[in-house]
Protein backbone atom coordinates (compact mmCIF):
# COMPACT_ATOMS: atom_id res chain seq x y z
CA UNK A 1 187.69 149.96 163.83
CA UNK A 2 184.01 151.52 163.87
CA UNK A 3 181.93 151.68 160.45
CA UNK A 4 181.92 154.51 157.95
CA UNK A 5 178.08 154.65 157.50
CA UNK A 6 177.03 153.19 160.69
CA UNK A 7 173.42 151.80 160.28
CA UNK A 8 170.22 153.65 162.96
CA UNK A 9 168.57 150.73 163.74
CA UNK A 10 165.58 153.52 164.92
CA UNK A 11 165.12 154.60 161.21
CA UNK A 12 164.68 151.40 159.17
CA UNK A 13 161.09 150.56 159.01
CA UNK A 14 159.62 147.00 159.47
CA UNK A 15 156.39 147.56 158.04
CA UNK A 16 155.09 145.97 155.23
CA UNK A 17 153.45 148.12 152.54
CA UNK A 18 150.18 147.93 151.77
CA UNK A 19 148.43 146.86 148.21
CA UNK A 20 145.55 148.35 146.97
CA UNK A 21 143.07 146.48 146.13
CA UNK A 22 140.52 147.67 143.26
CA UNK A 23 137.64 149.25 144.37
CA UNK A 24 133.83 148.12 142.79
CA UNK A 25 134.03 151.82 141.25
CA UNK A 26 137.43 151.66 140.04
CA UNK A 27 136.20 148.43 138.28
CA UNK A 28 132.84 150.23 136.73
CA UNK A 29 134.70 152.83 135.70
CA UNK A 30 137.16 151.19 134.17
CA UNK A 31 134.44 148.66 132.16
CA UNK A 32 132.75 152.14 131.13
CA UNK A 33 136.13 153.53 129.55
CA UNK A 34 136.63 150.09 127.52
CA UNK A 35 132.71 149.92 126.19
CA UNK A 36 133.11 153.90 125.15
CA UNK A 37 136.41 153.42 123.10
CA UNK A 38 134.64 149.49 121.61
CA UNK A 39 131.60 152.39 120.51
CA UNK A 40 133.50 155.46 119.63
CA UNK A 41 136.35 152.83 117.95
CA UNK A 42 132.94 151.23 116.01
CA UNK A 43 131.03 154.17 114.83
CA UNK A 44 134.04 155.42 113.65
CA UNK A 45 134.45 152.08 111.56
CA UNK A 46 131.40 152.55 110.43
CA UNK A 47 131.05 156.34 109.19
CA UNK A 48 134.33 155.49 106.87
CA UNK A 49 132.47 152.62 105.73
CA UNK A 50 129.59 154.50 104.44
CA UNK A 51 131.58 157.42 102.78
CA UNK A 52 133.61 154.95 101.41
CA UNK A 53 131.25 153.32 99.69
CA UNK A 54 129.40 156.30 98.83
CA UNK A 55 132.51 157.75 97.23
CA UNK A 56 133.31 154.25 95.46
CA UNK A 57 130.49 154.82 93.56
CA UNK A 58 131.61 158.68 92.33
CA UNK A 59 134.66 157.58 91.64
CA UNK A 60 134.01 154.20 89.51
CA UNK A 61 131.82 156.43 87.14
CA UNK A 62 133.99 159.60 86.42
CA UNK A 63 134.09 161.28 83.48
CA UNK A 64 131.03 158.17 81.68
CA UNK A 65 128.65 160.07 82.90
CA UNK A 66 127.15 162.82 80.97
CA UNK A 67 124.73 165.66 80.97
CA UNK A 68 124.33 166.30 77.48
CA UNK A 69 122.97 163.93 75.03
CA UNK A 70 126.04 164.66 72.45
CA UNK A 71 128.94 163.83 74.36
CA UNK A 72 127.24 160.30 75.18
CA UNK A 73 129.39 157.36 73.11
CA UNK A 74 126.96 155.05 71.43
CA UNK A 75 125.69 151.94 72.51
CA UNK A 76 123.73 148.78 71.40
CA UNK A 77 121.45 148.78 74.76
CA UNK A 78 120.26 151.39 77.19
CA UNK A 79 119.11 150.26 80.19
CA UNK A 80 116.13 152.87 81.92
CA UNK A 81 115.61 151.92 85.65
CA UNK A 82 112.28 151.72 86.73
CA UNK A 83 109.80 153.78 89.23
CA UNK A 84 106.48 153.73 89.40
CA UNK A 85 104.41 156.29 87.90
CA UNK A 86 102.74 157.93 90.28
CA UNK A 87 103.98 158.78 93.80
CA UNK A 88 101.25 159.71 96.50
CA UNK A 89 98.46 160.05 94.50
CA UNK A 90 100.77 162.55 92.13
CA UNK A 91 102.91 162.56 89.00
CA UNK A 92 106.51 161.09 90.17
CA UNK A 93 109.09 163.27 88.53
CA UNK A 94 111.36 160.47 88.05
CA UNK A 95 109.41 158.49 85.96
CA UNK A 96 108.66 161.46 83.63
CA UNK A 97 112.08 162.41 83.90
CA UNK A 98 113.86 159.52 82.86
CA UNK A 99 111.37 158.80 80.53
CA UNK A 100 111.87 161.85 78.72
CA UNK A 101 116.21 160.99 79.32
CA UNK A 102 115.89 157.92 77.16
CA UNK A 103 114.01 159.31 74.52
CA UNK A 104 116.24 161.88 73.87
CA UNK A 105 118.95 159.54 74.22
CA UNK A 106 116.97 157.26 71.77
CA UNK A 107 116.32 160.52 69.80
CA UNK A 108 120.02 161.13 69.05
CA UNK A 109 120.69 157.85 67.46
CA UNK A 110 122.84 156.73 70.30
CA UNK A 111 121.10 153.68 70.93
CA UNK A 112 119.51 150.39 69.12
CA UNK A 113 117.84 148.68 71.98
CA UNK A 114 116.21 150.20 75.61
CA UNK A 115 115.97 147.58 78.27
CA UNK A 116 113.29 148.80 80.82
CA UNK A 117 113.78 147.16 83.37
CA UNK A 118 111.25 147.21 86.97
CA UNK A 119 109.30 145.51 89.29
CA UNK A 120 106.23 144.03 87.83
CA UNK A 121 104.99 142.13 91.60
CA UNK A 122 100.92 142.48 90.16
CA UNK A 123 98.87 143.42 87.09
CA UNK A 124 97.76 146.22 89.27
CA UNK A 125 101.46 147.26 89.37
CA UNK A 126 103.95 146.80 86.04
CA UNK A 127 106.84 149.26 86.02
CA UNK A 128 108.36 147.92 82.41
CA UNK A 129 105.26 148.01 81.15
CA UNK A 130 104.19 151.85 82.44
CA UNK A 131 107.61 152.35 80.86
CA UNK A 132 107.27 150.91 77.47
CA UNK A 133 104.29 152.57 77.11
CA UNK A 134 105.07 156.26 77.99
CA UNK A 135 108.26 155.50 75.48
CA UNK A 136 106.34 154.36 72.63
CA UNK A 137 103.24 157.41 73.61
CA UNK A 138 106.80 159.31 72.64
CA UNK A 139 108.13 157.93 69.71
CA UNK A 140 110.23 155.18 70.43
CA UNK A 141 108.85 152.08 68.33
CA UNK A 142 107.99 149.62 70.05
CA UNK A 143 109.68 146.18 68.79
CA UNK A 144 113.05 148.42 69.91
CA UNK A 145 111.82 147.77 73.94
CA UNK A 146 112.18 145.36 75.86
CA UNK A 147 111.12 144.45 78.81
CA UNK A 148 112.48 142.77 81.85
CA UNK A 149 110.29 142.08 84.56
CA UNK A 150 112.67 141.26 87.73
CA UNK A 151 114.70 144.19 87.89
CA UNK A 152 113.46 144.34 91.41
CA UNK A 153 116.74 146.95 92.03
CA UNK A 154 119.84 148.09 89.90
CA UNK A 155 121.95 145.35 91.48
CA UNK A 156 119.28 142.80 89.55
CA UNK A 157 118.88 145.35 86.31
CA UNK A 158 122.44 145.60 85.54
CA UNK A 159 123.28 141.95 86.55
CA UNK A 160 120.32 140.55 84.32
CA UNK A 161 121.25 142.87 81.59
CA UNK A 162 124.12 141.15 80.81
CA UNK A 163 123.29 136.90 82.06
CA UNK A 164 119.74 137.31 80.65
CA UNK A 165 120.51 139.77 77.98
CA UNK A 166 123.59 139.57 76.17
CA UNK A 167 124.83 143.14 77.24
CA UNK A 168 128.42 143.32 77.89
CA UNK A 169 128.11 147.04 77.51
CA UNK A 170 125.41 149.36 78.63
CA UNK A 171 124.01 153.02 78.53
CA UNK A 172 122.25 153.47 81.67
CA UNK A 173 119.46 155.96 82.14
CA UNK A 174 118.13 157.81 84.98
CA UNK A 175 118.94 160.42 87.83
CA UNK A 176 122.71 160.70 88.24
CA UNK A 177 122.98 159.74 92.05
CA UNK A 178 121.55 156.20 90.71
CA UNK A 179 123.77 156.17 87.53
CA UNK A 180 126.85 156.22 89.75
CA UNK A 181 126.23 152.87 91.54
CA UNK A 182 124.70 150.79 88.18
CA UNK A 183 127.81 151.63 86.64
CA UNK A 184 129.92 150.51 90.10
CA UNK A 185 127.97 147.77 89.93
CA UNK A 186 128.93 147.57 85.96
CA UNK A 187 132.54 147.37 86.10
CA UNK A 188 132.40 145.07 89.32
CA UNK A 189 130.48 142.28 86.96
CA UNK A 190 132.81 142.79 84.09
CA UNK A 191 130.42 145.50 82.09
CA UNK A 192 131.47 148.71 80.21
CA UNK A 193 129.10 151.07 81.42
CA UNK A 194 128.57 154.54 80.69
CA UNK A 195 125.53 157.23 82.27
CA UNK A 196 122.75 159.98 80.74
CA UNK A 197 121.69 161.43 83.69
CA UNK A 198 118.12 162.49 83.44
CA UNK A 199 116.63 165.46 85.33
CA UNK A 200 117.16 165.81 88.97
CA UNK A 201 114.54 166.23 91.67
CA UNK A 202 114.66 168.83 93.61
CA UNK A 203 116.24 168.22 97.08
CA UNK A 204 113.12 169.48 99.16
CA UNK A 205 111.12 166.31 96.61
CA UNK A 206 113.61 163.85 96.33
CA UNK A 207 114.92 163.98 100.24
CA UNK A 208 113.68 160.55 101.36
CA UNK A 209 115.42 159.28 98.26
CA UNK A 210 118.97 160.99 98.92
CA UNK A 211 119.20 159.43 102.30
CA UNK A 212 118.17 156.52 100.95
CA UNK A 213 120.75 156.83 98.56
CA UNK A 214 123.49 156.62 100.76
CA UNK A 215 122.55 152.98 102.42
CA UNK A 216 121.64 151.70 98.68
CA UNK A 217 125.52 152.41 98.29
CA UNK A 218 126.61 150.99 101.30
CA UNK A 219 124.89 147.73 100.84
CA UNK A 220 126.26 147.75 96.62
CA UNK A 221 129.52 147.69 98.59
CA UNK A 222 128.96 144.44 100.62
CA UNK A 223 127.20 143.33 97.47
CA UNK A 224 130.33 143.60 95.07
CA UNK A 225 133.01 142.44 98.08
CA UNK A 226 131.35 140.12 100.58
CA UNK A 227 127.96 138.79 100.31
CA UNK A 228 128.29 137.47 96.88
CA UNK A 229 125.08 138.32 96.06
CA UNK A 230 123.17 136.80 93.01
CA UNK A 231 120.04 138.16 91.01
CA UNK A 232 116.63 137.12 92.80
CA UNK A 233 115.38 135.58 89.38
CA UNK A 234 117.61 134.44 86.99
CA UNK A 235 116.31 132.21 83.88
CA UNK A 236 116.90 132.34 80.29
CA UNK A 237 118.87 133.91 78.40
CA UNK A 238 116.52 136.53 76.52
CA UNK A 239 117.59 137.08 72.04
CA UNK A 240 117.54 140.84 71.88
CA UNK A 241 116.15 142.32 68.45
CA UNK A 242 118.09 142.76 65.72
C-alpha cells in the first residue's frame, strides 16, 4: 500500500538557518536610542517639576494676597523683605515700592509691628537699617520697627519670623511673586500668612528677577520637601515691642 502523502526527498532542505549577529552600527544605534529616551525623560521630568513648583506657590497663596490695603486682614506683625536701595548706581524700584507698601499698611492700621528682614554683610551694606531709616522718614515710629539682620533669603526671613521673633501669623510685604513664595514657606512651617502686594517693576527692568524667581520656586519646593533646610543663622528669641 502506497503512502497517501509521499515525501519528496529533494524538497527537504538540510541547510541550517543562519543567525544574524548585530553589527557595531546597530549596537551604536541601540545605545543612542536609549540615551535619547533617557535624556528626553529627564528633561520632561525637570520641566514638570519646574512647572509644579512654580504653580504650588500660586495655589498656596490663592485668596491670601491683596492689592487693596482695605481688603487686608489685620495682623500683629508685618514682614518686609530686604533688598538694596541702589542697583547699578540707580534707585532700586523694588526697594522703594516695598517701603511705600509697608507705609500704606501701617497707615491703614493693619499691623502693630514691622520686621524689616535682610542681609547685613558689612557696615556699608545693611538692608534692614536702610529699610528702617526709609520707614522712619515716612512716619513709621522707630519703636515699632524691628530689624532682622540675618534675613539672607526669603526662606530665612520667614522661618526666623517664627523661631526667633515668635510670629505665628504674619503679613508679608513685597512684590506679588515673592509674597506667593513666602506664603508657601510660611504654611509649610505651620504659620498663617497673608500678603500685601507692592507695586511691581516693569518687565523690562525686572526680567532677570522674574527669571531667577523660576529657579527660586524650585529651590523653595526642594527646601521644604527634600533638603530639610534650616536658616543659616538662628539664635535666641527676640522679644517684640508690646
